[in-house]
Amino acid sequence: MPRTTLSLGTVAILRAIASGNRFGFDIMDATGLTSGTVYPSLDRLESLGLVESTWEDPRIARRDKRPPRRYFDLTAQGEVALADALERYRSFRPVSAVVATPGKA
């Protein structure tokens, strides 16, 4: 798979999944991102092969009186992409160093 440049939001979603937050609302809570960002990103990540999803058994959802949850897991490619992205973002200089005061470098 060719390398995909991942946005900070996408990296946050992958990291949330890697940390055990496996369904939409948990991912939103972990990242602070909205459903309008998280769910389309999850669909895109799945189409890229970075995550895979499974639906929970509907009997469990009925027992708990809620809709079935769609659970997400990182694929091997997703783990590599997350590690690459984290390394790339760690190498960025702090914003304060990039946005220098005029006359100072």
PDB file of N, CA and C in Angstrom:
ATOM      1  N   MET A   1       0.842  -1.180   0.000  1.00  0.00           N
ATOM      2  CA  MET A   1       0.000   0.000   0.000  1.00  0.00           C
ATOM      3  C   MET A   1       0.883   1.237   0.000  1.00  0.00           C
ATOM      4  N   PRO A   2       0.601   2.215  -0.850  1.00  0.00           N
ATOM      5  CA  PRO A   2       1.384   3.445  -0.818  1.00  0.00           C
ATOM      6  C   PRO A   2       1.134   4.185   0.499  1.00  0.00           C
ATOM      7  N   ARG A   3       2.129   4.926   0.919  1.00  0.00           N
ATOM      8  CA  ARG A   3       1.979   5.685   2.158  1.00  0.00           C
ATOM      9  C   ARG A   3       0.897   6.732   2.014  1.00  0.00           C
ATOM     10  N   THR A   4       0.101   6.846   3.051  1.00  0.00           N
ATOM     11  CA  THR A   4      -0.953   7.844   3.097  1.00  0.00           C
ATOM     12  C   THR A   4      -0.593   8.849   4.173  1.00  0.00           C
ATOM     13  N   THR A   5      -0.654  10.132   3.836  1.00  0.00           N
ATOM     14  CA  THR A   5      -0.411  11.156   4.829  1.00  0.00           C
ATOM     15  C   THR A   5      -1.674  11.293   5.669  1.00  0.00           C
ATOM     16  N   LEU A   6      -1.533  11.109   6.958  1.00  0.00           N
ATOM     17  CA  LEU A   6      -2.676  11.134   7.859  1.00  0.00           C
ATOM     18  C   LEU A   6      -2.737  12.463   8.599  1.00  0.00           C
ATOM     19  N   SER A   7      -3.938  13.023   8.677  1.00  0.00           N
ATOM     20  CA  SER A   7      -4.128  14.266   9.424  1.00  0.00           C
ATOM     21  C   SER A   7      -4.003  13.985  10.918  1.00  0.00           C
ATOM     22  N   LEU A   8      -3.848  15.045  11.697  1.00  0.00           N
ATOM     23  CA  LEU A   8      -3.773  14.882  13.145  1.00  0.00           C
ATOM     24  C   LEU A   8      -5.042  14.232  13.693  1.00  0.00           C
ATOM     25  N   GLY A   9      -6.201  14.609  13.151  1.00  0.00           N
ATOM     26  CA  GLY A   9      -7.459  14.012  13.600  1.00  0.00           C
ATOM     27  C   GLY A   9      -7.511  12.522  13.328  1.00  0.00           C
ATOM     28  N   THR A  10      -7.043  12.132  12.148  1.00  0.00           N
ATOM     29  CA  THR A  10      -7.024  10.716  11.789  1.00  0.00           C
ATOM     30  C   THR A  10      -6.058   9.947  12.680  1.00  0.00           C
ATOM     31  N   VAL A  11      -4.921  10.547  12.963  1.00  0.00           N
ATOM     32  CA  VAL A  11      -3.953   9.912  13.860  1.00  0.00           C
ATOM     33  C   VAL A  11      -4.567   9.758  15.256  1.00  0.00           C
ATOM     34  N   ALA A  12      -5.302  10.769  15.703  1.00  0.00           N
ATOM     35  CA  ALA A  12      -5.959  10.688  17.013  1.00  0.00           C
ATOM     36  C   ALA A  12      -6.968   9.537  17.040  1.00  0.00           C
ATOM     37  N   ILE A  13      -7.692   9.341  15.944  1.00  0.00           N
ATOM     38  CA  ILE A  13      -8.658   8.242  15.862  1.00  0.00           C
ATOM     39  C   ILE A  13      -7.935   6.902  15.914  1.00  0.00           C
ATOM     40  N   LEU A  14      -6.883   6.753  15.132  1.00  0.00           N
ATOM     41  CA  LEU A  14      -6.130   5.494  15.151  1.00  0.00           C
ATOM     42  C   LEU A  14      -5.545   5.228  16.534  1.00  0.00           C
ATOM     43  N   ARG A  15      -5.043   6.265  17.158  1.00  0.00           N
ATOM     44  CA  ARG A  15      -4.455   6.097  18.491  1.00  0.00           C
ATOM     45  C   ARG A  15      -5.520   5.721  19.517  1.00  0.00           C
ATOM     46  N   ALA A  16      -6.705   6.303  19.392  1.00  0.00           N
ATOM     47  CA  ALA A  16      -7.810   5.951  20.297  1.00  0.00           C
ATOM     48  C   ALA A  16      -8.165   4.478  20.154  1.00  0.00           C
ATOM     49  N   ILE A  17      -8.233   4.002  18.908  1.00  0.00           N
ATOM     50  CA  ILE A  17      -8.543   2.586  18.670  1.00  0.00           C
ATOM     51  C   ILE A  17      -7.440   1.710  19.254  1.00  0.00           C
ATOM     52  N   ALA A  18      -6.197   2.089  19.027  1.00  0.00           N
ATOM     53  CA  ALA A  18      -5.068   1.324  19.550  1.00  0.00           C
ATOM     54  C   ALA A  18      -5.082   1.282  21.080  1.00  0.00           C
ATOM     55  N   SER A  19      -5.682   2.306  21.703  1.00  0.00           N
ATOM     56  CA  SER A  19      -5.744   2.383  23.160  1.00  0.00           C
ATOM     57  C   SER A  19      -6.951   1.662  23.740  1.00  0.00           C
ATOM     58  N   GLY A  20      -7.756   1.041  22.871  1.00  0.00           N
ATOM     59  CA  GLY A  20      -8.884   0.261  23.370  1.00  0.00           C
ATOM     60  C   GLY A  20     -10.242   0.901  23.228  1.00  0.00           C
ATOM     61  N   ASN A  21     -10.305   2.083  22.650  1.00  0.00           N
ATOM     62  CA  ASN A  21     -11.593   2.732  22.385  1.00  0.00           C
ATOM     63  C   ASN A  21     -12.057   2.254  21.020  1.00  0.00           C
ATOM     64  N   ARG A  22     -12.963   1.282  21.004  1.00  0.00           N
ATOM     65  CA  ARG A  22     -13.214   0.556  19.770  1.00  0.00           C
ATOM     66  C   ARG A  22     -14.515   0.910  19.061  1.00  0.00           C
ATOM     67  N   PHE A  23     -15.415   1.680  19.650  1.00  0.00           N
ATOM     68  CA  PHE A  23     -16.624   2.040  18.920  1.00  0.00           C
ATOM     69  C   PHE A  23     -16.810   3.553  18.928  1.00  0.00           C
ATOM     70  N   GLY A  24     -17.660   4.026  18.033  1.00  0.00           N
ATOM     71  CA  GLY A  24     -17.776   5.446  17.725  1.00  0.00           C
ATOM     72  C   GLY A  24     -17.812   6.399  18.893  1.00  0.00           C
ATOM     73  N   PHE A  25     -18.761   6.188  19.828  1.00  0.00           N
ATOM     74  CA  PHE A  25     -18.888   7.139  20.930  1.00  0.00           C
ATOM     75  C   PHE A  25     -17.645   7.144  21.814  1.00  0.00           C
ATOM     76  N   ASP A  26     -17.050   5.994  22.038  1.00  0.00           N
ATOM     77  CA  ASP A  26     -15.808   5.953  22.821  1.00  0.00           C
ATOM     78  C   ASP A  26     -14.681   6.690  22.101  1.00  0.00           C
ATOM     79  N   ILE A  27     -14.612   6.533  20.785  1.00  0.00           N
ATOM     80  CA  ILE A  27     -13.582   7.220  20.000  1.00  0.00           C
ATOM     81  C   ILE A  27     -13.803   8.731  20.065  1.00  0.00           C
ATOM     82  N   MET A  28     -15.073   9.156  19.973  1.00  0.00           N
ATOM     83  CA  MET A  28     -15.371  10.590  20.077  1.00  0.00           C
ATOM     84  C   MET A  28     -14.979  11.124  21.446  1.00  0.00           C
ATOM     85  N   ASP A  29     -15.286  10.374  22.509  1.00  0.00           N
ATOM     86  CA  ASP A  29     -14.910  10.811  23.856  1.00  0.00           C
ATOM     87  C   ASP A  29     -13.397  10.895  24.013  1.00  0.00           C
ATOM     88  N   ALA A  30     -12.682   9.921  23.475  1.00  0.00           N
ATOM     89  CA  ALA A  30     -11.229   9.876  23.620  1.00  0.00           C
ATOM     90  C   ALA A  30     -10.529  10.984  22.838  1.00  0.00           C
ATOM     91  N   THR A  31     -11.100  11.369  21.699  1.00  0.00           N
ATOM     92  CA  THR A  31     -10.435  12.341  20.825  1.00  0.00           C
ATOM     93  C   THR A  31     -10.983  13.758  20.932  1.00  0.00           C
ATOM     94  N   GLY A  32     -12.223  13.894  21.392  1.00  0.00           N
ATOM     95  CA  GLY A  32     -12.864  15.201  21.397  1.00  0.00           C
ATOM     96  C   GLY A  32     -13.389  15.610  20.034  1.00  0.00           C
ATOM     97  N   LEU A  33     -13.347  14.687  19.078  1.00  0.00           N
ATOM     98  CA  LEU A  33     -13.842  14.966  17.726  1.00  0.00           C
ATOM     99  C   LEU A  33     -15.332  14.674  17.644  1.00  0.00           C
ATOM    100  N   THR A  34     -16.004  15.298  16.684  1.00  0.00           N
ATOM    101  CA  THR A  34     -17.448  15.118  16.522  1.00  0.00           C
ATOM    102  C   THR A  34     -17.760  13.889  15.674  1.00  0.00           C
ATOM    103  N   SER A  35     -19.016  13.475  15.732  1.00  0.00           N
ATOM    104  CA  SER A  35     -19.450  12.330  14.921  1.00  0.00           C
ATOM    105  C   SER A  35     -19.278  12.614  13.437  1.00  0.00           C
ATOM    106  N   GLY A  36     -19.438  13.868  13.041  1.00  0.00           N
ATOM    107  CA  GLY A  36     -19.269  14.247  11.642  1.00  0.00           C
ATOM    108  C   GLY A  36     -17.842  14.119  11.143  1.00  0.00           C
ATOM    109  N   THR A  37     -16.907  14.028  12.060  1.00  0.00           N
ATOM    110  CA  THR A  37     -15.507  13.786  11.720  1.00  0.00           C
ATOM    111  C   THR A  37     -15.153  12.321  11.895  1.00  0.00           C
ATOM    112  N   VAL A  38     -15.568  11.741  13.021  1.00  0.00           N
ATOM    113  CA  VAL A  38     -15.151  10.384  13.367  1.00  0.00           C
ATOM    114  C   VAL A  38     -15.707   9.343  12.399  1.00  0.00           C
ATOM    115  N   TYR A  39     -17.017   9.338  12.161  1.00  0.00           N
ATOM    116  CA  TYR A  39     -17.595   8.267  11.351  1.00  0.00           C
ATOM    117  C   TYR A  39     -17.128   8.278   9.896  1.00  0.00           C
ATOM    118  N   PRO A  40     -17.076   9.436   9.225  1.00  0.00           N
ATOM    119  CA  PRO A  40     -16.512   9.416   7.870  1.00  0.00           C
ATOM    120  C   PRO A  40     -15.041   8.985   7.853  1.00  0.00           C
ATOM    121  N   SER A  41     -14.288   9.391   8.872  1.00  0.00           N
ATOM    122  CA  SER A  41     -12.882   8.991   8.950  1.00  0.00           C
ATOM    123  C   SER A  41     -12.757   7.484   9.130  1.00  0.00           C
ATOM    124  N   LEU A  42     -13.593   6.903   9.974  1.00  0.00           N
ATOM    125  CA  LEU A  42     -13.561   5.456  10.173  1.00  0.00           C
ATOM    126  C   LEU A  42     -13.865   4.719   8.878  1.00  0.00           C
ATOM    127  N   ASP A  43     -14.857   5.199   8.135  1.00  0.00           N
ATOM    128  CA  ASP A  43     -15.181   4.574   6.843  1.00  0.00           C
ATOM    129  C   ASP A  43     -13.996   4.664   5.886  1.00  0.00           C
ATOM    130  N   ARG A  44     -13.342   5.834   5.853  1.00  0.00           N
ATOM    131  CA  ARG A  44     -12.186   6.020   4.973  1.00  0.00           C
ATOM    132  C   ARG A  44     -11.026   5.132   5.405  1.00  0.00           C
ATOM    133  N   LEU A  45     -10.782   5.070   6.714  1.00  0.00           N
ATOM    134  CA  LEU A  45      -9.704   4.221   7.232  1.00  0.00           C
ATOM    135  C   LEU A  45      -9.959   2.755   6.920  1.00  0.00           C
ATOM    136  N   GLU A  46     -11.217   2.349   6.958  1.00  0.00           N
ATOM    137  CA  GLU A  46     -11.529   0.963   6.622  1.00  0.00           C
ATOM    138  C   GLU A  46     -11.315   0.711   5.135  1.00  0.00           C
ATOM    139  N   SER A  47     -11.694   1.674   4.286  1.00  0.00           N
ATOM    140  CA  SER A  47     -11.486   1.496   2.846  1.00  0.00           C
ATOM    141  C   SER A  47      -9.999   1.471   2.494  1.00  0.00           C
ATOM    142  N   LEU A  48      -9.171   2.135   3.308  1.00  0.00           N
ATOM    143  CA  LEU A  48      -7.717   2.118   3.097  1.00  0.00           C
ATOM    144  C   LEU A  48      -7.058   0.867   3.669  1.00  0.00           C
ATOM    145  N   GLY A  49      -7.817   0.072   4.405  1.00  0.00           N
ATOM    146  CA  GLY A  49      -7.285  -1.146   4.994  1.00  0.00           C
ATOM    147  C   GLY A  49      -6.533  -0.921   6.296  1.00  0.00           C
ATOM    148  N   LEU A  50      -6.719   0.251   6.922  1.00  0.00           N
ATOM    149  CA  LEU A  50      -6.010   0.558   8.161  1.00  0.00           C
ATOM    150  C   LEU A  50      -6.781   0.102   9.396  1.00  0.00           C
ATOM    151  N   VAL A  51      -8.087  -0.013   9.266  1.00  0.00           N
ATOM    152  CA  VAL A  51      -8.924  -0.566  10.336  1.00  0.00           C
ATOM    153  C   VAL A  51      -9.893  -1.559   9.721  1.00  0.00           C
ATOM    154  N   GLU A  52     -10.407  -2.428  10.564  1.00  0.00           N
ATOM    155  CA  GLU A  52     -11.476  -3.330  10.146  1.00  0.00           C
ATOM    156  C   GLU A  52     -12.553  -3.263  11.213  1.00  0.00           C
ATOM    157  N   SER A  53     -13.786  -3.509  10.786  1.00  0.00           N
ATOM    158  CA  SER A  53     -14.884  -3.396  11.728  1.00  0.00           C
ATOM    159  C   SER A  53     -15.703  -4.684  11.775  1.00  0.00           C
ATOM    160  N   THR A  54     -16.336  -4.872  12.914  1.00  0.00           N
ATOM    161  CA  THR A  54     -17.277  -5.969  13.108  1.00  0.00           C
ATOM    162  C   THR A  54     -18.445  -5.426  13.919  1.00  0.00           C
ATOM    163  N   TRP A  55     -19.616  -5.972  13.653  1.00  0.00           N
ATOM    164  CA  TRP A  55     -20.800  -5.586  14.408  1.00  0.00           C
ATOM    165  C   TRP A  55     -20.962  -6.533  15.589  1.00  0.00           C
ATOM    166  N   GLU A  56     -21.347  -5.983  16.713  1.00  0.00           N
ATOM    167  CA  GLU A  56     -21.577  -6.817  17.884  1.00  0.00           C
ATOM    168  C   GLU A  56     -22.838  -7.651  17.683  1.00  0.00           C
ATOM    169  N   ASP A  57     -22.945  -8.702  18.430  1.00  0.00           N
ATOM    170  CA  ASP A  57     -24.112  -9.582  18.388  1.00  0.00           C
ATOM    171  C   ASP A  57     -25.348  -8.769  18.786  1.00  0.00           C
ATOM    172  N   PRO A  58     -26.385  -8.735  17.935  1.00  0.00           N
ATOM    173  CA  PRO A  58     -27.582  -7.946  18.248  1.00  0.00           C
ATOM    174  C   PRO A  58     -28.253  -8.356  19.561  1.00  0.00           C
ATOM    175  N   ARG A  59     -28.058  -9.593  19.971  1.00  0.00           N
ATOM    176  CA  ARG A  59     -28.663 -10.037  21.243  1.00  0.00           C
ATOM    177  C   ARG A  59     -28.062  -9.284  22.423  1.00  0.00           C
ATOM    178  N   ILE A  60     -26.778  -8.990  22.337  1.00  0.00           N
ATOM    179  CA  ILE A  60     -26.128  -8.222  23.411  1.00  0.00           C
ATOM    180  C   ILE A  60     -26.700  -6.809  23.463  1.00  0.00           C
ATOM    181  N   ALA A  61     -26.851  -6.202  22.295  1.00  0.00           N
ATOM    182  CA  ALA A  61     -27.406  -4.844  22.229  1.00  0.00           C
ATOM    183  C   ALA A  61     -28.850  -4.827  22.751  1.00  0.00           C
ATOM    184  N   ARG A  62     -29.648  -5.797  22.363  1.00  0.00           N
ATOM    185  CA  ARG A  62     -31.027  -5.861  22.860  1.00  0.00           C
ATOM    186  C   ARG A  62     -31.053  -6.029  24.374  1.00  0.00           C
ATOM    187  N   ARG A  63     -30.188  -6.885  24.883  1.00  0.00           N
ATOM    188  CA  ARG A  63     -30.111  -7.099  26.327  1.00  0.00           C
ATOM    189  C   ARG A  63     -29.795  -5.792  27.045  1.00  0.00           C
ATOM    190  N   ASP A  64     -28.901  -4.988  26.449  1.00  0.00           N
ATOM    191  CA  ASP A  64     -28.493  -3.714  27.044  1.00  0.00           C
ATOM    192  C   ASP A  64     -29.390  -2.552  26.631  1.00  0.00           C
ATOM    193  N   LYS A  65     -30.433  -2.851  25.824  1.00  0.00           N
ATOM    194  CA  LYS A  65     -31.435  -1.856  25.388  1.00  0.00           C
ATOM    195  C   LYS A  65     -30.795  -0.674  24.658  1.00  0.00           C
ATOM    196  N   ARG A  66     -29.990  -1.018  23.633  1.00  0.00           N
ATOM    197  CA  ARG A  66     -29.343  -0.003  22.799  1.00  0.00           C
ATOM    198  C   ARG A  66     -29.107  -0.598  21.418  1.00  0.00           C
ATOM    199  N   PRO A  67     -28.790   0.253  20.455  1.00  0.00           N
ATOM    200  CA  PRO A  67     -28.473  -0.265  19.113  1.00  0.00           C
ATOM    201  C   PRO A  67     -27.159  -1.056  19.132  1.00  0.00           C
ATOM    202  N   PRO A  68     -26.982  -1.972  18.189  1.00  0.00           N
ATOM    203  CA  PRO A  68     -25.705  -2.709  18.098  1.00  0.00           C
ATOM    204  C   PRO A  68     -24.547  -1.751  17.810  1.00  0.00           C
ATOM    205  N   ARG A  69     -23.421  -2.068  18.377  1.00  0.00           N
ATOM    206  CA  ARG A  69     -22.219  -1.257  18.175  1.00  0.00           C
ATOM    207  C   ARG A  69     -21.356  -1.861  17.072  1.00  0.00           C
ATOM    208  N   ARG A  70     -20.728  -0.982  16.343  1.00  0.00           N
ATOM    209  CA  ARG A  70     -19.744  -1.383  15.342  1.00  0.00           C
ATOM    210  C   ARG A  70     -18.373  -1.167  15.960  1.00  0.00           C
ATOM    211  N   TYR A  71     -17.620  -2.250  16.112  1.00  0.00           N
ATOM    212  CA  TYR A  71     -16.317  -2.199  16.757  1.00  0.00           C
ATOM    213  C   TYR A  71     -15.216  -2.144  15.706  1.00  0.00           C
ATOM    214  N   PHE A  72     -14.198  -1.340  15.991  1.00  0.00           N
ATOM    215  CA  PHE A  72     -13.082  -1.147  15.069  1.00  0.00           C
ATOM    216  C   PHE A  72     -11.785  -1.652  15.703  1.00  0.00           C
ATOM    217  N   ASP A  73     -10.954  -2.258  14.873  1.00  0.00           N
ATOM    218  CA  ASP A  73      -9.627  -2.713  15.280  1.00  0.00           C
ATOM    219  C   ASP A  73      -8.625  -2.278  14.225  1.00  0.00           C
ATOM    220  N   LEU A  74      -7.404  -1.974  14.667  1.00  0.00           N
ATOM    221  CA  LEU A  74      -6.341  -1.667  13.719  1.00  0.00           C
ATOM    222  C   LEU A  74      -5.922  -2.941  13.004  1.00  0.00           C
ATOM    223  N   THR A  75      -5.642  -2.822  11.730  1.00  0.00           N
ATOM    224  CA  THR A  75      -5.028  -3.920  10.991  1.00  0.00           C
ATOM    225  C   THR A  75      -3.514  -3.793  11.167  1.00  0.00           C
ATOM    226  N   ALA A  76      -2.776  -4.753  10.658  1.00  0.00           N
ATOM    227  CA  ALA A  76      -1.312  -4.655  10.693  1.00  0.00           C
ATOM    228  C   ALA A  76      -0.861  -3.398   9.959  1.00  0.00           C
ATOM    229  N   GLN A  77      -1.502  -3.102   8.817  1.00  0.00           N
ATOM    230  CA  GLN A  77      -1.170  -1.877   8.066  1.00  0.00           C
ATOM    231  C   GLN A  77      -1.487  -0.637   8.890  1.00  0.00           C
ATOM    232  N   GLY A  78      -2.575  -0.691   9.640  1.00  0.00           N
ATOM    233  CA  GLY A  78      -2.962   0.433  10.482  1.00  0.00           C
ATOM    234  C   GLY A  78      -1.963   0.687  11.586  1.00  0.00           C
ATOM    235  N   GLU A  79      -1.428  -0.390  12.154  1.00  0.00           N
ATOM    236  CA  GLU A  79      -0.408  -0.240  13.200  1.00  0.00           C
ATOM    237  C   GLU A  79       0.838   0.422  12.643  1.00  0.00           C
ATOM    238  N   VAL A  80       1.248   0.017  11.444  1.00  0.00           N
ATOM    239  CA  VAL A  80       2.426   0.613  10.804  1.00  0.00           C
ATOM    240  C   VAL A  80       2.161   2.075  10.467  1.00  0.00           C
ATOM    241  N   ALA A  81       0.986   2.357   9.910  1.00  0.00           N
ATOM    242  CA  ALA A  81       0.645   3.737   9.544  1.00  0.00           C
ATOM    243  C   ALA A  81       0.608   4.634  10.780  1.00  0.00           C
ATOM    244  N   LEU A  82       0.062   4.128  11.884  1.00  0.00           N
ATOM    245  CA  LEU A  82       0.018   4.910  13.122  1.00  0.00           C
ATOM    246  C   LEU A  82       1.431   5.173  13.629  1.00  0.00           C
ATOM    247  N   ALA A  83       2.261   4.157  13.671  1.00  0.00           N
ATOM    248  CA  ALA A  83       3.639   4.330  14.140  1.00  0.00           C
ATOM    249  C   ALA A  83       4.389   5.339  13.264  1.00  0.00           C
ATOM    250  N   ASP A  84       4.231   5.234  11.940  1.00  0.00           N
ATOM    251  CA  ASP A  84       4.889   6.176  11.019  1.00  0.00           C
ATOM    252  C   ASP A  84       4.410   7.607  11.268  1.00  0.00           C
ATOM    253  N   ALA A  85       3.088   7.763  11.414  1.00  0.00           N
ATOM    254  CA  ALA A  85       2.519   9.101  11.612  1.00  0.00           C
ATOM    255  C   ALA A  85       2.982   9.700  12.941  1.00  0.00           C
ATOM    256  N   LEU A  86       2.983   8.897  13.987  1.00  0.00           N
ATOM    257  CA  LEU A  86       3.436   9.404  15.284  1.00  0.00           C
ATOM    258  C   LEU A  86       4.896   9.838  15.222  1.00  0.00           C
ATOM    259  N   GLU A  87       5.707   9.060  14.533  1.00  0.00           N
ATOM    260  CA  GLU A  87       7.118   9.430  14.381  1.00  0.00           C
ATOM    261  C   GLU A  87       7.254  10.730  13.589  1.00  0.00           C
ATOM    262  N   ARG A  88       6.485  10.863  12.521  1.00  0.00           N
ATOM    263  CA  ARG A  88       6.533  12.075  11.698  1.00  0.00           C
ATOM    264  C   ARG A  88       6.105  13.291  12.512  1.00  0.00           C
ATOM    265  N   TYR A  89       5.004  13.175  13.273  1.00  0.00           N
ATOM    266  CA  TYR A  89       4.522  14.316  14.049  1.00  0.00           C
ATOM    267  C   TYR A  89       5.451  14.642  15.217  1.00  0.00           C
ATOM    268  N   ARG A  90       6.132  13.652  15.768  1.00  0.00           N
ATOM    269  CA  ARG A  90       7.095  13.917  16.849  1.00  0.00           C
ATOM    270  C   ARG A  90       8.269  14.751  16.346  1.00  0.00           C
ATOM    271  N   SER A  91       8.581  14.629  15.065  1.00  0.00           N
ATOM    272  CA  SER A  91       9.731  15.352  14.523  1.00  0.00           C
ATOM    273  C   SER A  91       9.411  16.812  14.210  1.00  0.00           C
ATOM    274  N   PHE A  92       8.134  17.205  14.279  1.00  0.00           N
ATOM    275  CA  PHE A  92       7.775  18.600  14.029  1.00  0.00           C
ATOM    276  C   PHE A  92       8.285  19.474  15.165  1.00  0.00           C
ATOM    277  N   ARG A  93       8.722  20.652  14.782  1.00  0.00           N
ATOM    278  CA  ARG A  93       9.120  21.616  15.800  1.00  0.00           C
ATOM    279  C   ARG A  93       7.862  22.180  16.440  1.00  0.00           C
ATOM    280  N   PRO A  94       7.965  22.629  17.682  1.00  0.00           N
ATOM    281  CA  PRO A  94       6.800  23.242  18.326  1.00  0.00           C
ATOM    282  C   PRO A  94       6.330  24.448  17.530  1.00  0.00           C
ATOM    283  N   VAL A  95       5.060  24.726  17.586  1.00  0.00           N
ATOM    284  CA  VAL A  95       4.480  25.854  16.861  1.00  0.00           C
ATOM    285  C   VAL A  95       5.198  27.143  17.228  1.00  0.00           C
ATOM    286  N   SER A  96       5.565  27.303  18.486  1.00  0.00           N
ATOM    287  CA  SER A  96       6.250  28.529  18.891  1.00  0.00           C
ATOM    288  C   SER A  96       7.568  28.729  18.151  1.00  0.00           C
ATOM    289  N   ALA A  97       8.209  27.641  17.754  1.00  0.00           N
ATOM    290  CA  ALA A  97       9.465  27.748  17.012  1.00  0.00           C
ATOM    291  C   ALA A  97       9.218  28.057  15.547  1.00  0.00           C
ATOM    292  N   VAL A  98       8.083  27.598  15.027  1.00  0.00           N
ATOM    293  CA  VAL A  98       7.760  27.814  13.622  1.00  0.00           C
ATOM    294  C   VAL A  98       7.214  29.222  13.405  1.00  0.00           C
ATOM    295  N   VAL A  99       6.367  29.672  14.319  1.00  0.00           N
ATOM    296  CA  VAL A  99       5.761  30.984  14.213  1.00  0.00           C
ATOM    297  C   VAL A  99       6.577  31.919  15.104  1.00  0.00           C
ATOM    298  N   ALA A 100       7.711  32.328  14.599  1.00  0.00           N
ATOM    299  CA  ALA A 100       8.627  33.158  15.381  1.00  0.00           C
ATOM    300  C   ALA A 100       8.136  34.603  15.421  1.00  0.00           C
ATOM    301  N   THR A 101       8.533  35.298  16.465  1.00  0.00           N
ATOM    302  CA  THR A 101       8.238  36.716  16.573  1.00  0.00           C
ATOM    303  C   THR A 101       8.994  37.442  15.462  1.00  0.00           C
ATOM    304  N   PRO A 102       8.324  38.421  14.788  1.00  0.00           N
ATOM    305  CA  PRO A 102       9.021  39.152  13.716  1.00  0.00           C
ATOM    306  C   PRO A 102      10.367  39.690  14.204  1.00  0.00           C
ATOM    307  N   GLY A 103      11.354  39.498  13.373  1.00  0.00           N
ATOM    308  CA  GLY A 103      12.691  39.976  13.702  1.00  0.00           C
ATOM    309  C   GLY A 103      13.526  38.960  14.460  1.00  0.00           C
ATOM    310  N   LYS A 104      12.886  37.853  14.883  1.00  0.00           N
ATOM    311  CA  LYS A 104      13.620  36.787  15.587  1.00  0.00           C
ATOM    312  C   LYS A 104      13.460  35.510  14.796  1.00  0.00           C
ATOM    313  N   ALA A 105      14.509  34.719  14.716  1.00  0.00           N
ATOM    314  CA  ALA A 105      14.442  33.478  13.967  1.00  0.00           C
ATOM    315  C   ALA A 105      14.701  32.292  14.849  1.00  0.00           C
TER     316      ALA A 105
END
